[in-house]
Structures are given as structure tokens and as C-alpha cells.
Amino acid sequence: MDTLRNFALTALIAGLAASAASFGVFSAFSATTSNRGNSFEAGSVAIGDNDGDSAPLYAESNQKPGDPVQRCIEVSYTGTLDANVKLYTPSAIAHGSAFHLKVERGTQTTGEFPGCGDFTPTSEAYDGPLGAFPKTYADGIDGKSAAAAWAEDEVVVYRFTVTVADDPTPNAHTSTRSTGAHEFTWEARSV
């Protein structure tokens, strides 16, 4: 019986000690401070043009040397982060050396895509064979002269002048030559 009594007394003492310990946890002092309203937001990189996402800049046929075709496109930057913009063509261009391309940067207040209205050139971006036009962002042509970064709501108008290259080689043009479908890409990357 003494063993049972000792066991019960030990259990009672252990229970009281546990109660006292837990009571001590709830009676501690505490204080807090807060820093409210935190948020973090990424900026944006957004670029667009006035071609309606479906109309080609040019789609001409039966052209001859000395007859230039001029078309204009307005490119606008609406991102919130300053960005470097490059112009390139990611697609292959058939017979690229048979065609000449000149690209100028400028401004325009009248005329709708692809018309050039009162286009005023401010700098030359490219003047050479269509087939030698850069194929990647890394090799691309600067969107603005001197590789200047674009800021939100900036606009640049580009005038593309395409001509058939003069080739006096006899019997070299007994059939038509085409560039095939190709595209031009303006890519913006945050600074």
C-alpha cells in the first residue's frame, strides 16, 4: 500500500509542477511592433505598333530597279521600365541580295499605316541589302539613334524604302524573284 501511496503522491507532485510551469508561460510580459503596408511590384516592358497586328508593311509585286516603295510604321513604348529596343528580322529572306532596304527613324503627324504622310527623318538606321538585315536581338539595329533607352510613352516612326537592286547581268532576270514572306521585330528589354 505504501508503494501505491508513494506512486500517487509522486503523480500529484508532478501534476502540480506541470500546472505551475504552464501557468508561468501565460503570465509572461510581451510587446509587439509592426511595419504595415508593405508591397513590391515589378515594372513592365511593353512595345507595340500601329499595323493592326495583321497588315504587312509592304506586299508588292512586279517591281523594277529604280522604283522605290516607301512605307511607314509607328512603334510606341508603353512599359514603365526604361528599355533598350532593337530591330531585326528573325525570318529568312530569299534572294536577299536582289533587294535593297533603307530604314530611317523619324517623326510623323499625318498619314495612317502604312502611309508616310509628313514623315520627317531624324536618323538613318540601316541602308543595305535586305538579306544582310540583322537576324537577332544581339545584332539588331538600335530602336533610337545612339542606342538611347526608351522611356514610357515614347514613339518612333520608321520609314522603310525597298527597291529592286540594279543588276545588269544579261539573262539574270528571266523569271521573277521574291523575298518570300518575312517579318520585322522590335524587341524591348529593360535597362
C-alpha atoms as a PDB file:
ATOM      1  CA  MET A   1       0.000   0.000   0.000  1.00  0.00           C
ATOM      2  CA  ASP A   2       2.908   2.312   0.728  1.00  0.00           C
ATOM      3  CA  THR A   3       4.091   1.816  -2.835  1.00  0.00           C
ATOM      4  CA  LEU A   4       0.723   2.795  -4.209  1.00  0.00           C
ATOM      5  CA  ARG A   5       0.592   5.816  -1.913  1.00  0.00           C
ATOM      6  CA  ASN A   6       4.132   6.900  -2.936  1.00  0.00           C
ATOM      7  CA  PHE A   7       3.190   6.483  -6.609  1.00  0.00           C
ATOM      8  CA  ALA A   8       0.028   8.585  -6.168  1.00  0.00           C
ATOM      9  CA  LEU A   9       1.919  11.258  -4.250  1.00  0.00           C
ATOM     10  CA  THR A  10       4.622  11.399  -6.954  1.00  0.00           C
ATOM     11  CA  ALA A  11       1.971  11.725  -9.683  1.00  0.00           C
ATOM     12  CA  LEU A  12       0.253  14.531  -7.754  1.00  0.00           C
ATOM     13  CA  ILE A  13       3.523  16.448  -7.274  1.00  0.00           C
ATOM     14  CA  ALA A  14       4.402  16.044 -10.982  1.00  0.00           C
ATOM     15  CA  GLY A  15       0.942  17.292 -11.986  1.00  0.00           C
ATOM     16  CA  LEU A  16       1.229  20.341  -9.724  1.00  0.00           C
ATOM     17  CA  ALA A  17       4.707  21.124 -11.109  1.00  0.00           C
ATOM     18  CA  ALA A  18       3.391  20.889 -14.707  1.00  0.00           C
ATOM     19  CA  SER A  19       0.457  23.161 -13.868  1.00  0.00           C
ATOM     20  CA  ALA A  20       2.769  25.700 -12.280  1.00  0.00           C
ATOM     21  CA  ALA A  21       5.061  25.650 -15.325  1.00  0.00           C
ATOM     22  CA  SER A  22       2.191  26.176 -17.766  1.00  0.00           C
ATOM     23  CA  PHE A  23       0.732  28.911 -15.591  1.00  0.00           C
ATOM     24  CA  GLY A  24       4.094  30.674 -15.769  1.00  0.00           C
ATOM     25  CA  VAL A  25       4.002  30.689 -19.620  1.00  0.00           C
ATOM     26  CA  PHE A  26       0.698  32.505 -19.702  1.00  0.00           C
ATOM     27  CA  SER A  27       1.723  35.119 -17.187  1.00  0.00           C
ATOM     28  CA  ALA A  28       4.767  36.460 -19.147  1.00  0.00           C
ATOM     29  CA  PHE A  29       5.063  40.111 -20.295  1.00  0.00           C
ATOM     30  CA  SER A  30       5.044  40.781 -24.077  1.00  0.00           C
ATOM     31  CA  ALA A  31       5.068  43.632 -26.597  1.00  0.00           C
ATOM     32  CA  THR A  32       4.968  43.890 -30.426  1.00  0.00           C
ATOM     33  CA  THR A  33       5.623  46.449 -33.125  1.00  0.00           C
ATOM     34  CA  SER A  34       4.538  46.352 -36.791  1.00  0.00           C
ATOM     35  CA  ASN A  35       5.608  47.786 -40.126  1.00  0.00           C
ATOM     36  CA  ARG A  36       2.419  47.954 -42.214  1.00  0.00           C
ATOM     37  CA  GLY A  37       1.512  48.419 -45.878  1.00  0.00           C
ATOM     38  CA  ASN A  38       4.462  46.627 -47.480  1.00  0.00           C
ATOM     39  CA  SER A  39       4.219  45.740 -51.164  1.00  0.00           C
ATOM     40  CA  PHE A  40       6.587  45.051 -54.026  1.00  0.00           C
ATOM     41  CA  GLU A  41       5.716  45.419 -57.682  1.00  0.00           C
ATOM     42  CA  ALA A  42       7.620  44.689 -60.861  1.00  0.00           C
ATOM     43  CA  GLY A  43       7.715  47.264 -63.644  1.00  0.00           C
ATOM     44  CA  SER A  44       6.599  46.455 -67.184  1.00  0.00           C
ATOM     45  CA  VAL A  45       8.134  46.229 -70.632  1.00  0.00           C
ATOM     46  CA  ALA A  46       5.570  46.762 -73.402  1.00  0.00           C
ATOM     47  CA  ILE A  47       6.003  47.718 -77.039  1.00  0.00           C
ATOM     48  CA  GLY A  48       3.524  47.939 -79.898  1.00  0.00           C
ATOM     49  CA  ASP A  49       2.961  49.386 -83.333  1.00  0.00           C
ATOM     50  CA  ASN A  50       0.155  50.776 -85.469  1.00  0.00           C
ATOM     51  CA  ASP A  51      -0.114  47.942 -88.010  1.00  0.00           C
ATOM     52  CA  GLY A  52      -3.252  46.438 -86.504  1.00  0.00           C
ATOM     53  CA  ASP A  53      -1.351  43.184 -85.810  1.00  0.00           C
ATOM     54  CA  SER A  54      -2.208  41.813 -89.234  1.00  0.00           C
ATOM     55  CA  ALA A  55      -1.331  44.178 -92.062  1.00  0.00           C
ATOM     56  CA  PRO A  56       2.047  43.822 -93.789  1.00  0.00           C
ATOM     57  CA  LEU A  57       4.278  46.853 -94.093  1.00  0.00           C
ATOM     58  CA  TYR A  58       4.656  46.092 -97.803  1.00  0.00           C
ATOM     59  CA  ALA A  59       3.466  43.368-100.179  1.00  0.00           C
ATOM     60  CA  GLU A  60       4.456  44.459-103.678  1.00  0.00           C
ATOM     61  CA  SER A  61       4.859  42.550-106.929  1.00  0.00           C
ATOM     62  CA  ASN A  62       6.225  43.206-110.422  1.00  0.00           C
ATOM     63  CA  GLN A  63       8.717  45.824-109.217  1.00  0.00           C
ATOM     64  CA  LYS A  64      11.759  47.001-111.189  1.00  0.00           C
ATOM     65  CA  PRO A  65      15.039  48.705-110.248  1.00  0.00           C
ATOM     66  CA  GLY A  66      14.690  52.397-109.590  1.00  0.00           C
ATOM     67  CA  ASP A  67      11.063  52.211-108.377  1.00  0.00           C
ATOM     68  CA  PRO A  68      11.229  52.586-104.588  1.00  0.00           C
ATOM     69  CA  VAL A  69       8.348  51.602-102.342  1.00  0.00           C
ATOM     70  CA  GLN A  70       8.142  53.634 -99.129  1.00  0.00           C
ATOM     71  CA  ARG A  71       6.083  52.583 -96.131  1.00  0.00           C
ATOM     72  CA  CYS A  72       5.979  53.860 -92.545  1.00  0.00           C
ATOM     73  CA  ILE A  73       5.197  52.254 -89.208  1.00  0.00           C
ATOM     74  CA  GLU A  74       4.879  53.874 -85.791  1.00  0.00           C
ATOM     75  CA  VAL A  75       6.365  51.992 -82.843  1.00  0.00           C
ATOM     76  CA  SER A  76       5.389  53.036 -79.322  1.00  0.00           C
ATOM     77  CA  TYR A  77       6.780  52.017 -75.968  1.00  0.00           C
ATOM     78  CA  THR A  78       4.296  51.822 -73.081  1.00  0.00           C
ATOM     79  CA  GLY A  79       6.319  49.961 -70.466  1.00  0.00           C
ATOM     80  CA  THR A  80       7.099  51.568 -67.126  1.00  0.00           C
ATOM     81  CA  LEU A  81      10.760  50.489 -67.104  1.00  0.00           C
ATOM     82  CA  ASP A  82      13.287  52.162 -69.394  1.00  0.00           C
ATOM     83  CA  ALA A  83      14.260  49.715 -72.133  1.00  0.00           C
ATOM     84  CA  ASN A  84      16.672  49.155 -74.981  1.00  0.00           C
ATOM     85  CA  VAL A  85      14.856  48.438 -78.232  1.00  0.00           C
ATOM     86  CA  LYS A  86      16.380  46.558 -81.165  1.00  0.00           C
ATOM     87  CA  LEU A  87      15.018  45.977 -84.664  1.00  0.00           C
ATOM     88  CA  TYR A  88      15.760  42.742 -86.536  1.00  0.00           C
ATOM     89  CA  THR A  89      14.192  40.172 -88.837  1.00  0.00           C
ATOM     90  CA  PRO A  90      14.078  36.641 -87.411  1.00  0.00           C
ATOM     91  CA  SER A  91      12.947  35.111 -90.700  1.00  0.00           C
ATOM     92  CA  ALA A  92      14.978  34.026 -93.701  1.00  0.00           C
ATOM     93  CA  ILE A  93      14.878  36.285 -96.748  1.00  0.00           C
ATOM     94  CA  ALA A  94      15.134  34.588-100.103  1.00  0.00           C
ATOM     95  CA  HIS A  95      17.172  36.384-102.774  1.00  0.00           C
ATOM     96  CA  GLY A  96      18.107  38.948-100.117  1.00  0.00           C
ATOM     97  CA  SER A  97      20.917  40.444-102.193  1.00  0.00           C
ATOM     98  CA  ALA A  98      18.465  41.206-105.031  1.00  0.00           C
ATOM     99  CA  PHE A  99      16.653  43.806-102.904  1.00  0.00           C
ATOM    100  CA  HIS A 100      17.858  46.966-101.200  1.00  0.00           C
ATOM    101  CA  LEU A 101      16.408  48.278 -97.920  1.00  0.00           C
ATOM    102  CA  LYS A 102      16.793  51.649 -96.272  1.00  0.00           C
ATOM    103  CA  VAL A 103      15.309  52.218 -92.803  1.00  0.00           C
ATOM    104  CA  GLU A 104      15.076  55.714 -91.340  1.00  0.00           C
ATOM    105  CA  ARG A 105      13.901  56.849 -87.908  1.00  0.00           C
ATOM    106  CA  GLY A 106      11.807  59.973 -87.622  1.00  0.00           C
ATOM    107  CA  THR A 107       8.539  61.636 -86.741  1.00  0.00           C
ATOM    108  CA  GLN A 108       5.162  61.867 -88.411  1.00  0.00           C
ATOM    109  CA  THR A 109       1.962  63.744 -87.576  1.00  0.00           C
ATOM    110  CA  THR A 110      -0.183  62.961 -90.638  1.00  0.00           C
ATOM    111  CA  GLY A 111      -0.870  59.750 -92.513  1.00  0.00           C
ATOM    112  CA  GLU A 112      -2.047  56.348 -91.375  1.00  0.00           C
ATOM    113  CA  PHE A 113      -0.286  52.985 -91.538  1.00  0.00           C
ATOM    114  CA  PRO A 114       1.435  52.211 -93.856  1.00  0.00           C
ATOM    115  CA  GLY A 115       1.386  55.703 -95.358  1.00  0.00           C
ATOM    116  CA  CYS A 116       4.197  58.108 -94.577  1.00  0.00           C
ATOM    117  CA  GLY A 117       2.235  61.388 -94.633  1.00  0.00           C
ATOM    118  CA  ASP A 118       4.562  64.153 -93.436  1.00  0.00           C
ATOM    119  CA  PHE A 119       7.346  61.800 -92.262  1.00  0.00           C
ATOM    120  CA  THR A 120      10.450  63.744 -91.236  1.00  0.00           C
ATOM    121  CA  PRO A 121      13.653  61.676 -90.917  1.00  0.00           C
ATOM    122  CA  THR A 122      15.870  62.246 -87.887  1.00  0.00           C
ATOM    123  CA  SER A 123      18.435  59.456 -88.349  1.00  0.00           C
ATOM    124  CA  GLU A 124      19.304  56.541 -90.582  1.00  0.00           C
ATOM    125  CA  ALA A 125      19.006  53.080 -89.065  1.00  0.00           C
ATOM    126  CA  TYR A 126      20.010  50.837 -91.988  1.00  0.00           C
ATOM    127  CA  ASP A 127      20.976  51.123 -95.653  1.00  0.00           C
ATOM    128  CA  GLY A 128      21.993  47.916 -97.406  1.00  0.00           C
ATOM    129  CA  PRO A 129      20.910  44.590 -98.864  1.00  0.00           C
ATOM    130  CA  LEU A 130      17.684  43.223 -97.452  1.00  0.00           C
ATOM    131  CA  GLY A 131      19.362  39.850 -96.943  1.00  0.00           C
ATOM    132  CA  ALA A 132      22.048  41.371 -94.701  1.00  0.00           C
ATOM    133  CA  PHE A 133      19.496  42.796 -92.248  1.00  0.00           C
ATOM    134  CA  PRO A 134      20.305  41.623 -88.668  1.00  0.00           C
ATOM    135  CA  LYS A 135      18.661  38.358 -87.579  1.00  0.00           C
ATOM    136  CA  THR A 136      18.901  38.555 -83.762  1.00  0.00           C
ATOM    137  CA  TYR A 137      18.354  40.981 -80.919  1.00  0.00           C
ATOM    138  CA  ALA A 138      22.085  40.949 -80.137  1.00  0.00           C
ATOM    139  CA  ASP A 139      22.936  42.084 -83.677  1.00  0.00           C
ATOM    140  CA  GLY A 140      19.813  44.222 -84.090  1.00  0.00           C
ATOM    141  CA  ILE A 141      19.590  47.837 -85.111  1.00  0.00           C
ATOM    142  CA  ASP A 142      19.090  50.349 -82.298  1.00  0.00           C
ATOM    143  CA  GLY A 143      15.497  51.472 -81.976  1.00  0.00           C
ATOM    144  CA  LYS A 144      16.658  55.033 -81.349  1.00  0.00           C
ATOM    145  CA  SER A 145      19.856  56.652 -82.569  1.00  0.00           C
ATOM    146  CA  ALA A 146      22.949  56.257 -80.384  1.00  0.00           C
ATOM    147  CA  ALA A 147      21.297  53.276 -78.647  1.00  0.00           C
ATOM    148  CA  ALA A 148      19.289  55.611 -76.413  1.00  0.00           C
ATOM    149  CA  ALA A 149      16.925  53.896 -73.981  1.00  0.00           C
ATOM    150  CA  TRP A 150      13.177  54.255 -74.443  1.00  0.00           C
ATOM    151  CA  ALA A 151      11.021  55.661 -71.659  1.00  0.00           C
ATOM    152  CA  GLU A 152       7.294  55.212 -71.108  1.00  0.00           C
ATOM    153  CA  ASP A 153       5.103  56.689 -73.889  1.00  0.00           C
ATOM    154  CA  GLU A 154       7.934  57.304 -76.368  1.00  0.00           C
ATOM    155  CA  VAL A 155       7.179  56.901 -80.080  1.00  0.00           C
ATOM    156  CA  VAL A 156       9.458  56.474 -83.095  1.00  0.00           C
ATOM    157  CA  VAL A 157       8.252  56.294 -86.697  1.00  0.00           C
ATOM    158  CA  TYR A 158      10.257  54.211 -89.161  1.00  0.00           C
ATOM    159  CA  ARG A 159      10.266  54.683 -92.919  1.00  0.00           C
ATOM    160  CA  PHE A 160      11.161  51.583 -94.927  1.00  0.00           C
ATOM    161  CA  THR A 161      12.264  52.144 -98.532  1.00  0.00           C
ATOM    162  CA  VAL A 162      12.546  48.935-100.551  1.00  0.00           C
ATOM    163  CA  THR A 163      13.884  48.699-104.105  1.00  0.00           C
ATOM    164  CA  VAL A 164      14.951  46.001-106.500  1.00  0.00           C
ATOM    165  CA  ALA A 165      18.753  46.083-106.718  1.00  0.00           C
ATOM    166  CA  ASP A 166      20.081  47.014-110.129  1.00  0.00           C
ATOM    167  CA  ASP A 167      21.706  44.009-111.827  1.00  0.00           C
ATOM    168  CA  PRO A 168      22.822  44.451-115.454  1.00  0.00           C
ATOM    169  CA  THR A 169      23.869  40.808-115.811  1.00  0.00           C
ATOM    170  CA  PRO A 170      22.460  39.522-119.141  1.00  0.00           C
ATOM    171  CA  ASN A 171      19.663  36.950-118.801  1.00  0.00           C
ATOM    172  CA  ALA A 172      19.820  37.090-114.973  1.00  0.00           C
ATOM    173  CA  HIS A 173      16.178  38.075-114.580  1.00  0.00           C
ATOM    174  CA  THR A 174      14.211  35.881-116.950  1.00  0.00           C
ATOM    175  CA  SER A 175      11.948  34.821-114.059  1.00  0.00           C
ATOM    176  CA  THR A 176      10.557  36.647-111.056  1.00  0.00           C
ATOM    177  CA  ARG A 177      12.411  36.715-107.763  1.00  0.00           C
ATOM    178  CA  SER A 178      10.681  37.077-104.444  1.00  0.00           C
ATOM    179  CA  THR A 179      11.902  37.746-100.932  1.00  0.00           C
ATOM    180  CA  GLY A 180       9.292  35.352 -99.605  1.00  0.00           C
ATOM    181  CA  ALA A 181       7.269  36.336 -96.562  1.00  0.00           C
ATOM    182  CA  HIS A 182       9.396  37.892 -93.834  1.00  0.00           C
ATOM    183  CA  GLU A 183       8.821  39.960 -90.736  1.00  0.00           C
ATOM    184  CA  PHE A 184      10.443  42.744 -88.786  1.00  0.00           C
ATOM    185  CA  THR A 185      10.597  42.566 -84.995  1.00  0.00           C
ATOM    186  CA  TRP A 186      11.121  45.341 -82.474  1.00  0.00           C
ATOM    187  CA  GLU A 187      12.172  43.841 -79.144  1.00  0.00           C
ATOM    188  CA  ALA A 188      12.380  45.792 -75.896  1.00  0.00           C
ATOM    189  CA  ARG A 189      14.488  44.672 -72.930  1.00  0.00           C
ATOM    190  CA  SER A 190      14.593  46.528 -69.657  1.00  0.00           C
ATOM    191  CA  VAL A 191      17.741  48.507 -68.920  1.00  0.00           C
END
